[in-house]
Protein backbone atom coordinates (compact mmCIF):
# COMPACT_ATOMS: atom_id res chain seq x y z
CA MET A 1 13.70 7.78 -8.11
CA VAL A 2 11.92 5.02 -6.18
CA VAL A 3 8.42 6.34 -6.88
CA LEU A 4 8.58 5.86 -10.66
CA PRO A 5 9.44 2.11 -10.75
CA ALA A 6 7.02 1.46 -7.86
CA ALA A 7 4.22 3.19 -9.79
CA TRP A 8 5.19 1.27 -12.92
CA LEU A 9 5.01 -2.05 -11.04
CA TYR A 10 1.73 -1.43 -9.23
CA ALA A 11 -0.19 0.87 -11.59
CA PRO A 12 -2.18 -1.98 -13.26
CA THR A 13 -3.04 -3.46 -9.85
CA VAL A 14 -4.15 -0.14 -8.37
CA LEU A 15 -6.16 0.89 -11.45
CA GLN A 16 -7.96 -2.45 -11.46
CA MET A 17 -8.72 -2.04 -7.76
CA ILE A 18 -10.10 1.46 -8.33
CA ARG A 19 -12.38 0.09 -11.05
CA GLN A 20 -13.65 -2.50 -8.59
CA TRP A 21 -14.45 0.25 -6.07
CA GLY A 22 -16.68 1.85 -8.68
CA GLU A 23 -18.38 -1.42 -9.70
CA ASP A 24 -18.74 -3.11 -6.30
CA GLU A 25 -20.80 -1.13 -3.79
CA ASN A 26 -19.36 -3.21 -0.96
CA TYR A 27 -16.06 -1.37 -1.45
CA SER A 28 -17.21 2.09 -2.51
CA HIS A 29 -15.51 3.42 0.64
CA GLY A 30 -12.17 2.43 -0.93
CA TYR A 31 -11.77 5.87 -2.49
CA LEU A 32 -11.54 7.46 0.98
CA VAL A 33 -9.05 5.02 2.52
CA PRO A 34 -5.86 6.19 0.73
CA VAL A 35 -6.94 9.81 1.24
CA LEU A 36 -7.25 9.27 4.99
CA SER A 37 -3.96 7.35 5.06
CA ALA A 38 -2.22 10.23 3.26
CA PHE A 39 -3.75 12.67 5.76
CA LEU A 40 -2.33 10.63 8.65
CA VAL A 41 1.13 10.78 7.06
CA TRP A 42 0.80 14.54 6.49
CA GLN A 43 -0.27 14.98 10.11
CA ARG A 44 3.01 13.40 11.19
CA ARG A 45 5.20 15.40 8.83
CA ALA A 46 6.94 17.37 11.61
CA SER A 47 7.69 14.23 13.62
CA LEU A 48 8.95 12.44 10.51
CA LYS A 49 11.32 15.28 9.62
CA ALA A 50 12.68 15.29 13.16
CA LEU A 51 13.56 11.58 13.11
CA PRO A 52 17.09 10.54 12.21
CA VAL A 53 17.49 8.40 9.09
CA ARG A 54 18.87 5.00 10.09
CA PRO A 55 18.39 2.58 7.19
CA VAL A 56 17.95 -1.08 8.12
CA ALA A 57 19.55 -3.62 5.78
CA GLY A 58 16.88 -6.17 6.73
CA GLY A 59 14.32 -3.95 5.06
CA LEU A 60 15.72 -5.20 1.77
CA VAL A 61 14.35 -8.66 2.62
CA VAL A 62 10.88 -7.17 3.24
CA LEU A 63 11.08 -5.25 -0.05
CA VAL A 64 12.09 -8.36 -2.01
CA ALA A 65 9.27 -10.28 -0.28
CA GLY A 66 6.77 -7.59 -1.34
CA VAL A 67 7.85 -7.70 -4.98
CA GLY A 68 7.90 -11.51 -4.85
CA LEU A 69 4.32 -11.56 -3.51
CA ALA A 70 3.26 -9.30 -6.38
CA LEU A 71 4.69 -11.79 -8.89
CA LEU A 72 3.28 -14.80 -7.03
CA GLY A 73 -0.18 -13.22 -6.82
CA HIS A 74 -0.14 -12.54 -10.54
CA LEU A 75 0.97 -16.10 -11.31
CA GLY A 76 -1.62 -17.62 -9.00
CA ALA A 77 -4.48 -15.43 -10.23
CA GLU A 78 -4.88 -14.16 -6.67
CA LEU A 79 -5.64 -10.43 -6.74
CA PHE A 80 -5.70 -10.20 -2.95
CA VAL A 81 -2.08 -11.36 -2.67
CA THR A 82 -0.99 -8.95 -5.42
CA ARG A 83 -2.77 -6.04 -3.74
CA MET A 84 -1.53 -6.90 -0.24
CA SER A 85 2.01 -7.01 -1.62
CA LEU A 86 1.72 -3.25 -2.13
CA LEU A 87 1.58 -2.74 1.64
CA VAL A 88 4.54 -5.07 2.19
CA THR A 89 6.54 -3.23 -0.48
CA ILE A 90 5.78 0.16 1.08
CA ALA A 91 6.82 -1.11 4.51
CA GLY A 92 10.01 -2.58 3.05
CA LEU A 93 10.91 0.71 1.34
CA VAL A 94 10.37 2.69 4.54
CA LEU A 95 12.42 0.27 6.64
CA TYR A 96 15.27 -0.09 4.13
CA LEU A 97 15.58 3.59 3.25
CA LEU A 98 14.57 5.34 6.50
CA GLY A 99 14.68 2.91 9.44
CA TRP A 100 12.61 1.48 12.28
CA GLU A 101 11.56 4.79 13.85
CA HIS A 102 10.00 5.98 10.59
CA LEU A 103 8.26 2.64 10.09
CA ARG A 104 6.88 2.71 13.64
CA LEU A 105 5.42 6.18 13.08
CA LEU A 106 3.97 5.19 9.70
CA ALA A 107 2.75 1.73 10.77
CA PHE A 108 -0.92 2.68 11.19
CA PRO A 109 -1.24 4.73 7.96
CA ILE A 110 0.31 1.84 6.01
CA ALA A 111 -1.76 -0.84 7.78
CA TYR A 112 -4.94 1.21 7.30
CA LEU A 113 -4.62 0.74 3.54
CA VAL A 114 -5.81 -2.85 4.05
CA PHE A 115 -9.37 -1.51 4.16
CA MET A 116 -9.16 -0.45 0.51
CA ILE A 117 -8.34 -4.00 -0.61
CA PRO A 118 -11.33 -6.25 -1.42
CA VAL A 119 -11.07 -9.63 0.31
CA PRO A 120 -10.85 -12.82 -1.80
CA ALA A 121 -14.15 -14.12 -3.17
CA ILE A 122 -13.87 -17.37 -1.20
CA VAL A 123 -13.48 -15.40 2.06
CA PHE A 124 -16.13 -12.84 1.10
CA ASN A 125 -18.66 -15.59 0.37
CA ALA A 126 -17.75 -17.42 3.57
CA ILE A 127 -18.57 -14.23 5.52
CA THR A 128 -21.57 -13.09 3.49
CA PHE A 129 -23.70 -16.22 3.70
CA PRO A 130 -23.48 -16.58 7.50
CA LEU A 131 -24.31 -12.86 7.76
CA GLN A 132 -27.36 -13.43 5.55
CA SER A 133 -28.45 -16.29 7.80
CA VAL A 134 -27.94 -14.32 11.02
CA ALA A 135 -29.69 -11.22 9.63
CA THR A 136 -32.62 -13.37 8.46
CA SER A 137 -32.90 -15.10 11.85
CA VAL A 138 -32.79 -11.85 13.84
CA ALA A 139 -35.27 -10.12 11.49
CA THR A 140 -37.63 -13.13 11.74
CA TRP A 141 -37.44 -12.96 15.53
CA MET A 142 -38.20 -9.23 15.46
CA LEU A 143 -41.21 -9.68 13.17
CA GLN A 144 -42.56 -12.47 15.32
CA GLY A 145 -42.04 -10.26 18.35
CA VAL A 146 -44.46 -7.65 16.99
CA GLY A 147 -47.06 -10.29 16.13
CA VAL A 148 -46.41 -10.82 12.40
CA PRO A 149 -46.69 -14.50 11.35
CA VAL A 150 -43.47 -15.47 9.59
CA LEU A 151 -42.21 -18.61 7.85
CA ARG A 152 -38.48 -18.76 7.22
CA GLU A 153 -36.81 -21.04 4.68
CA GLY A 154 -33.09 -20.42 4.39
CA ASN A 155 -32.71 -16.73 3.55
CA VAL A 156 -36.33 -16.35 2.42
CA ILE A 157 -38.93 -14.79 4.78
CA SER A 158 -42.53 -15.59 3.88
CA LEU A 159 -45.17 -13.19 5.21
CA PRO A 160 -48.94 -13.50 4.76
CA HIS A 161 -48.98 -10.86 2.01
CA ALA A 162 -45.38 -10.79 0.74
CA THR A 163 -42.16 -12.76 0.44
CA LEU A 164 -38.76 -11.26 1.20
CA GLU A 165 -35.47 -12.71 0.00
CA VAL A 166 -32.45 -11.63 2.02
CA ALA A 167 -30.03 -11.40 -0.87
CA GLU A 168 -26.26 -10.97 -0.64
CA ALA A 169 -26.66 -7.18 -0.88
CA CYS A 170 -28.96 -7.34 2.17
CA SER A 171 -26.56 -9.40 4.28
CA GLY A 172 -25.12 -6.30 5.93
CA ILE A 173 -21.62 -6.96 4.57
CA ARG A 174 -21.52 -3.51 2.98
CA SER A 175 -22.30 -1.75 6.27
CA LEU A 176 -19.93 -4.05 8.15
CA VAL A 177 -16.93 -3.41 5.89
CA THR A 178 -17.50 0.36 5.94
CA LEU A 179 -18.09 0.47 9.70
CA LEU A 180 -14.91 -1.51 10.34
CA ALA A 181 -12.92 1.00 8.28
CA LEU A 182 -14.56 3.94 10.06
CA GLY A 183 -14.20 2.27 13.45
CA ALA A 184 -10.47 1.72 12.97
CA ALA A 185 -9.90 5.35 11.97
CA TYR A 186 -12.20 6.88 14.58
CA GLY A 187 -10.76 4.68 17.31
CA TYR A 188 -7.25 5.70 16.39
CA PHE A 189 -8.12 9.40 16.60
CA THR A 190 -10.28 9.29 19.75
CA GLN A 191 -9.00 6.41 21.90
CA ARG A 192 -5.66 6.50 23.64
CA THR A 193 -4.94 2.84 24.24
CA ALA A 194 -4.92 -0.29 22.14
CA TRP A 195 -7.63 -2.14 24.09
CA ARG A 196 -10.14 0.72 23.67
CA ARG A 197 -9.43 0.88 19.93
CA VAL A 198 -9.89 -2.88 19.63
CA VAL A 199 -13.21 -2.77 21.52
CA LEU A 200 -14.50 0.03 19.30
CA PHE A 201 -13.33 -1.78 16.17
CA VAL A 202 -14.92 -5.11 17.16
CA SER A 203 -18.18 -3.40 18.19
CA ALA A 204 -18.79 -2.67 14.49
CA VAL A 205 -19.74 -6.34 13.98
CA PRO A 206 -22.78 -6.60 16.31
CA ILE A 207 -23.82 -3.04 15.48
CA ALA A 208 -23.88 -3.79 11.75
CA ILE A 209 -25.77 -7.08 12.26
CA VAL A 210 -28.45 -5.58 14.49
CA ALA A 211 -28.88 -2.49 12.32
CA ASN A 212 -29.27 -4.59 9.19
CA ALA A 213 -31.77 -6.91 10.89
CA VAL A 214 -33.83 -3.85 11.90
CA ARG A 215 -33.81 -2.74 8.27
CA ILE A 216 -35.02 -6.14 7.06
CA ALA A 217 -37.72 -6.29 9.74
CA GLY A 218 -38.85 -2.76 8.82
CA THR A 219 -39.01 -3.75 5.18
CA GLY A 220 -41.11 -6.77 6.15
CA LEU A 221 -43.55 -4.62 8.13
CA LEU A 222 -44.01 -2.22 5.22
CA ALA A 223 -44.53 -5.10 2.80
CA GLN A 224 -47.07 -6.65 5.18
CA TRP A 225 -49.03 -3.46 5.80
CA PHE A 226 -48.80 -1.65 2.46
CA GLY A 227 -47.80 -4.31 -0.07
CA ALA A 228 -44.50 -5.42 -1.59
CA GLN A 229 -44.14 -2.26 -3.71
CA ALA A 230 -43.91 -0.11 -0.57
CA ALA A 231 -40.72 -1.95 0.41
CA GLU A 232 -38.98 -1.50 -2.94
CA GLY A 233 -37.40 1.33 -4.90
CA PHE A 234 -36.78 4.56 -3.01
CA PHE A 235 -37.54 3.18 0.44
CA HIS A 236 -35.16 0.26 0.02
CA THR A 237 -32.32 2.61 -0.94
CA PHE A 238 -33.19 5.29 1.62
CA SER A 239 -33.53 2.77 4.44
CA GLY A 240 -30.01 1.55 3.71
CA TRP A 241 -28.58 5.04 4.21
CA LEU A 242 -30.80 5.65 7.26
CA VAL A 243 -29.80 2.42 8.97
CA PHE A 244 -26.11 3.00 8.23
CA ALA A 245 -26.36 6.48 9.77
CA ALA A 246 -28.01 4.98 12.86
CA ALA A 247 -25.25 2.35 13.06
CA PHE A 248 -22.58 5.04 12.87
CA VAL A 249 -24.31 7.00 15.64
CA LEU A 250 -24.23 3.84 17.78
CA MET A 251 -20.50 3.57 17.10
CA LEU A 252 -20.02 7.20 18.17
CA ALA A 253 -21.95 6.43 21.35
CA MET A 254 -19.69 3.44 21.99
CA ALA A 255 -16.65 5.67 21.53
CA ALA A 256 -18.10 8.18 23.98
CA VAL A 257 -18.67 5.44 26.58
CA LEU A 258 -15.12 4.17 26.16
CA GLY A 259 -13.81 7.72 26.49
CA ARG A 260 -15.52 8.13 29.88
CA ILE A 261 -13.76 5.12 31.37
CA PRO A 262 -11.10 6.52 33.72
CA ALA A 263 -7.49 6.14 32.59
CA ARG A 264 -5.48 3.70 34.66
CA SER A 265 -2.24 5.64 34.35
CA LYS A 266 -0.75 8.85 33.00
CA THR A 267 0.76 6.83 30.17
CA GLU A 268 -2.68 5.63 29.12
CA ALA A 269 -4.10 9.14 29.17
CA ALA A 270 -1.34 10.58 27.02
CA PRO A 271 -2.02 10.89 23.27
CA ALA A 272 0.10 8.96 20.83
CA ALA A 273 2.79 11.06 19.20
CA GLY A 274 5.92 10.71 17.18
CA THR A 275 9.36 10.94 18.71
CA GLU A 276 10.68 14.49 18.53
CA THR A 277 14.48 14.52 18.33
CA GLY A 278 15.03 18.07 17.18
CA ARG A 279 17.49 16.95 14.49
CA ALA A 280 17.42 18.17 10.93
CA TRP A 281 15.93 15.64 8.51
CA ALA A 282 18.24 14.07 5.98
CA GLY A 283 16.98 11.92 3.14
CA PRO A 284 18.04 8.32 2.45
CA GLY A 285 21.39 7.64 0.82
CA TRP A 286 21.59 7.44 -2.96
CA ARG A 287 22.94 3.90 -2.87
CA GLY A 288 19.93 2.63 -0.95
CA VAL A 289 17.59 4.41 -3.36
CA ALA A 290 19.43 2.89 -6.32
CA VAL A 291 19.23 -0.65 -4.90
CA ALA A 292 15.54 -0.32 -4.04
CA SER A 293 14.80 1.09 -7.50
CA GLY A 294 16.70 -1.78 -9.08
CA ILE A 295 14.58 -4.36 -7.23
CA LEU A 296 11.36 -2.65 -8.32
CA VAL A 297 12.55 -2.46 -11.93
CA ALA A 298 13.46 -6.16 -11.80
CA GLY A 299 9.89 -6.85 -10.66
CA VAL A 300 8.53 -4.86 -13.63
CA VAL A 301 10.78 -6.79 -16.05
CA ALA A 302 9.76 -10.16 -14.55
CA LEU A 303 6.08 -9.24 -14.70
CA GLY A 304 6.19 -8.48 -18.42
CA PRO A 305 6.23 -12.07 -19.78
CA LEU A 306 3.56 -13.08 -17.24
CA SER A 307 1.12 -10.50 -18.61
CA ARG A 308 0.92 -11.93 -22.11
CA GLY A 309 -1.39 -14.61 -23.46
CA GLU A 310 -3.09 -16.96 -21.00
CA ALA A 311 -6.82 -16.80 -21.94
CA VAL A 312 -7.75 -20.23 -23.32
CA PRO A 313 -11.05 -20.64 -25.23
CA LEU A 314 -13.30 -23.67 -25.33
CA ARG A 315 -12.61 -26.30 -27.99
CA GLY A 316 -16.33 -26.33 -28.72
CA SER A 317 -19.32 -24.31 -27.50
CA LEU A 318 -21.15 -25.64 -24.45
CA ASP A 319 -24.31 -25.49 -26.57
CA GLU A 320 -22.88 -28.50 -28.42
CA PHE A 321 -23.33 -30.65 -25.32
CA PRO A 322 -25.98 -33.28 -26.27
CA LEU A 323 -29.61 -32.46 -25.61
CA GLN A 324 -30.45 -36.16 -25.66
CA MET A 325 -28.76 -38.27 -22.97
CA GLY A 326 -30.25 -41.75 -23.25
CA GLU A 327 -33.91 -41.43 -22.32
CA LEU A 328 -33.37 -37.96 -20.90
CA ARG A 329 -34.20 -34.90 -22.99
CA GLY A 330 -32.69 -31.52 -22.11
CA VAL A 331 -34.23 -28.06 -22.12
CA ASP A 332 -32.00 -24.98 -21.70
CA GLU A 333 -32.75 -22.66 -18.81
CA GLY A 334 -31.31 -19.17 -18.56
CA LEU A 335 -29.85 -17.19 -15.69
CA GLU A 336 -30.60 -13.61 -14.74
CA PRO A 337 -28.06 -11.08 -16.08
CA ALA A 338 -27.22 -10.01 -12.53
CA ILE A 339 -26.34 -13.60 -11.59
CA ILE A 340 -24.25 -14.05 -14.74
CA GLY A 341 -22.37 -10.85 -13.95
CA LYS A 342 -21.77 -12.00 -10.39
CA LEU A 343 -20.46 -15.38 -11.54
CA GLY A 344 -18.15 -13.79 -14.12
CA VAL A 345 -18.31 -16.84 -16.41
CA THR A 346 -17.05 -16.76 -19.99
CA GLU A 347 -19.72 -19.25 -21.07
CA PHE A 348 -22.26 -21.34 -19.18
CA LEU A 349 -24.76 -24.15 -19.68
CA MET A 350 -27.89 -24.46 -17.52
CA ARG A 351 -30.08 -27.34 -18.62
CA LYS A 352 -32.89 -29.47 -17.20
CA TYR A 353 -33.11 -33.13 -18.31
CA THR A 354 -36.38 -35.03 -17.98
CA ALA A 355 -37.88 -38.35 -19.05
CA ARG A 356 -41.23 -40.01 -18.48
CA GLY A 357 -41.36 -41.77 -15.14
CA ARG A 358 -38.00 -40.40 -13.95
CA ALA A 359 -37.01 -37.57 -11.66
CA PRO A 360 -35.54 -34.48 -13.40
CA LEU A 361 -31.81 -33.74 -13.43
CA TRP A 362 -30.24 -30.28 -13.65
CA LEU A 363 -26.83 -29.75 -15.25
CA TYR A 364 -24.83 -26.56 -14.78
CA VAL A 365 -21.43 -25.93 -16.36
CA GLY A 366 -19.67 -22.61 -15.85
CA PHE A 367 -16.49 -22.09 -17.89
CA TYR A 368 -13.81 -19.45 -17.25
CA GLU A 369 -11.20 -18.90 -19.94
CA SER A 370 -9.08 -17.11 -17.34
CA GLN A 371 -9.32 -16.71 -13.57
CA ARG A 372 -6.43 -14.28 -13.39
CA THR A 373 -8.58 -11.13 -13.54
CA GLY A 374 -10.52 -11.89 -10.36
CA ALA A 375 -13.45 -13.87 -11.84
CA LEU A 376 -13.10 -17.07 -9.83
CA ILE A 377 -15.20 -20.22 -9.69
CA HIS A 378 -17.85 -20.03 -6.95
CA SER A 379 -18.23 -23.06 -4.70
CA PRO A 380 -21.76 -24.54 -4.63
CA LYS A 381 -21.34 -24.93 -0.86
CA ASN A 382 -21.58 -21.14 -0.65
CA CYS A 383 -24.36 -20.68 -3.22
CA LEU A 384 -26.78 -23.40 -2.10
CA PRO A 385 -27.53 -21.93 1.38
CA GLY A 386 -28.25 -18.57 -0.26
CA ASN A 387 -31.11 -20.20 -2.19
CA GLY A 388 -32.73 -21.53 0.96
CA TRP A 389 -31.11 -25.00 0.96
CA SER A 390 -29.48 -26.25 4.15
CA ILE A 391 -26.52 -28.59 3.76
CA VAL A 392 -27.20 -31.92 5.51
CA ARG A 393 -24.05 -33.83 4.56
CA THR A 394 -20.94 -33.33 2.43
CA GLU A 395 -18.46 -35.97 1.30
CA GLU A 396 -16.27 -37.06 -1.58
CA ILE A 397 -17.22 -40.11 -3.65
CA ALA A 398 -15.41 -41.94 -6.44
CA PHE A 399 -16.74 -43.49 -9.63
CA ASP A 400 -15.29 -44.65 -12.94
CA PRO A 401 -16.79 -42.83 -15.94
CA GLY A 402 -14.90 -45.06 -18.38
CA GLY A 403 -13.54 -43.70 -21.64
CA PRO A 404 -10.28 -41.75 -21.77
CA SER A 405 -10.39 -40.57 -18.16
CA GLY A 406 -7.95 -43.26 -17.11
CA GLY A 407 -9.74 -44.66 -14.07
CA PRO A 408 -11.94 -43.52 -11.18
CA VAL A 409 -12.45 -39.85 -10.44
CA ARG A 410 -13.39 -38.18 -7.17
CA VAL A 411 -16.22 -35.65 -6.95
CA ASN A 412 -18.17 -33.92 -4.18
CA ARG A 413 -21.57 -35.20 -3.07
CA VAL A 414 -23.77 -32.82 -1.08
CA ILE A 415 -27.15 -33.67 0.45
CA VAL A 416 -29.28 -30.55 0.83
CA ALA A 417 -32.74 -30.00 2.28
CA LYS A 418 -35.43 -27.33 2.12
CA GLY A 419 -38.45 -28.14 4.23
CA GLU A 420 -39.52 -31.66 3.26
CA SER A 421 -37.58 -31.60 -0.02
CA ARG A 422 -34.13 -33.14 -0.37
CA GLN A 423 -31.67 -33.09 -3.22
CA ILE A 424 -28.40 -34.77 -4.09
CA VAL A 425 -25.82 -32.48 -5.66
CA LEU A 426 -22.65 -33.71 -7.36
CA TYR A 427 -20.03 -31.17 -8.34
CA TRP A 428 -16.42 -31.08 -9.40
CA TYR A 429 -13.84 -28.82 -11.06
CA GLN A 430 -12.83 -29.88 -14.58
CA GLU A 431 -9.71 -27.87 -15.25
CA ARG A 432 -6.89 -28.21 -17.79
CA GLY A 433 -7.34 -31.97 -18.23
CA ARG A 434 -7.96 -32.75 -14.55
CA VAL A 435 -11.07 -33.69 -12.58
CA ILE A 436 -10.71 -32.23 -9.08
CA ALA A 437 -13.01 -32.42 -6.05
CA SER A 438 -11.09 -30.34 -3.49
CA GLU A 439 -11.25 -26.58 -3.88
CA TYR A 440 -7.86 -26.19 -2.22
CA ARG A 441 -6.23 -28.78 -4.49
CA GLY A 442 -7.80 -26.94 -7.40
CA ARG A 443 -6.22 -23.69 -6.26
CA PHE A 444 -2.84 -25.40 -5.95
CA TYR A 445 -3.04 -26.77 -9.47
CA MET A 446 -4.16 -23.38 -10.77
CA VAL A 447 -1.05 -21.73 -9.30
CA TRP A 448 1.14 -24.55 -10.64
CA ASP A 449 -0.36 -24.42 -14.13
CA SER A 450 -0.19 -20.64 -14.12
CA ILE A 451 3.57 -20.87 -13.49
CA THR A 452 4.35 -23.81 -15.76
CA ARG A 453 1.73 -23.40 -18.52
CA ASN A 454 0.52 -19.77 -18.16
CA ARG A 455 -3.08 -21.03 -17.86
CA THR A 456 -5.84 -20.58 -15.30
CA ASP A 457 -8.86 -21.69 -17.36
CA GLY A 458 -11.34 -24.10 -15.80
CA ALA A 459 -14.96 -25.12 -15.32
CA LEU A 460 -17.33 -25.94 -12.49
CA VAL A 461 -19.68 -28.85 -13.22
CA ARG A 462 -22.74 -29.33 -11.01
CA ILE A 463 -25.48 -31.96 -11.34
CA SER A 464 -28.48 -32.02 -9.00
CA ALA A 465 -31.57 -34.16 -8.63
CA PRO A 466 -34.43 -34.38 -6.12
CA VAL A 467 -34.46 -37.44 -3.91
CA VAL A 468 -37.31 -39.63 -5.16
CA GLY A 469 -37.69 -42.95 -3.40
CA SER A 470 -34.41 -43.65 -1.64
CA GLU A 471 -31.12 -41.73 -1.65
CA GLN A 472 -29.42 -44.84 -3.06
CA GLU A 473 -31.72 -44.93 -6.11
CA THR A 474 -31.28 -41.19 -6.74
CA GLN A 475 -27.52 -41.49 -6.36
CA ARG A 476 -27.32 -44.31 -8.90
CA GLU A 477 -29.30 -42.14 -11.31
CA ILE A 478 -27.16 -39.05 -10.83
CA VAL A 479 -23.82 -40.92 -10.86
CA GLY A 480 -24.84 -42.64 -14.10
CA PHE A 481 -25.63 -39.24 -15.63
CA ALA A 482 -22.29 -37.86 -14.35
CA SER A 483 -20.45 -40.79 -15.93
CA GLU A 484 -21.90 -39.84 -19.32
CA THR A 485 -21.40 -36.12 -18.77
CA LEU A 486 -17.72 -36.15 -17.87
CA PRO A 487 -16.20 -37.56 -21.11
CA ARG A 488 -18.56 -35.48 -23.28
CA LEU A 489 -17.46 -32.30 -21.54
CA ALA A 490 -13.81 -33.34 -21.92
CA ARG A 491 -14.25 -33.02 -25.71
CA LEU A 492 -15.43 -29.40 -25.34
CA LEU A 493 -13.15 -28.11 -22.57
CA PRO A 494 -9.49 -27.21 -23.22
CA GLN A 495 -7.09 -29.96 -22.11
């Protein structure tokens, strides 16, 4: 009786997550996680049947919290919260209908499901870019160690006969996520104490980083000796599998070392097991099942109105943004299909403005008619380092663009450097009639507007210019351009 409303409530969330497993190679292991979790439950079937059923009324609070998180995640366009609510709901059902002893025995199978849930984009990017940097640094050190001259700029490795870009897919995040999932499961099966399991789990991080750096260095050696084509295609794919297999072998070796450490006590040496009471299993009471089912059905009913409408189109195409801005003349520049797919934008504008005797300016506008489906605005602070730029300084500045804006606005100013080159980057979020600098304030307003207006549309606006002369002169130039850009965009974006 409980299964049907629970499936009804979470079916769209789970199906969307399964689609992401198939589209995102970083989470292709997601298909195996629920299978392994189900196996762990099946393995404990005898112990579960032997436990007495002692429902805990407080489990109702956990269940309501799980359903509430599902609604909040949907309102706030936060897929991670919606997906994590599934685990909270399962735990609440077990505690409310069966009791603490059942929940304790099922704690690891339920918690293990977290590995099937993709992390939020803002967290994923915050992890990926440092991994790219570390992998690039270690690979550069390895290449220099074998006598290959290397020049590193950001995540780009320049060799005498080839250039390698350590892209997001080469950061090692895919191996790391999979190794963490395998390490948690393998540690649970093979290690008898919590500290050994934690050590094995944490060891996946350095193992994945070193293995990925070896792969990058090997690719660099092949490109140096046999040309760039030798490091592409089949070898690039095969080396990924080979290095992952080597990393897994290292994890097995770590497990073997931990297993040889003498146990400190008989308790530590004993395998984990469920409590055997010898009593006949009796299912939960019908009243508890009815109440739990009612809460799940209420969640389904509440979710219905939130699933309608919401996508808000532009008032005018971004192509209508003026090509002529004073003396500056714009030329459209495209983006690679892979980058467009990664950004998930509904519509974008990438344009270079130039004028005789003046430094060029680049304008990027990425518009999202809805951020509720997981396509979220990417922060430039994550993207810029991936293109080889190092962030020198970040701050918020205010200026008054005039017009209908109603006073000064605050935007982000970032100074970036690559070698001897420096750029000033201004960016802000222009969403539902607001100009917002802070990403976190933007997220708050998105949740608020999702609840009150059923809208999560928005745009990222980024203007960049090379520093020519002094930073003050370049800033005056770029702020003046931003002052003209802001009100013109306001006429195209939904208010």
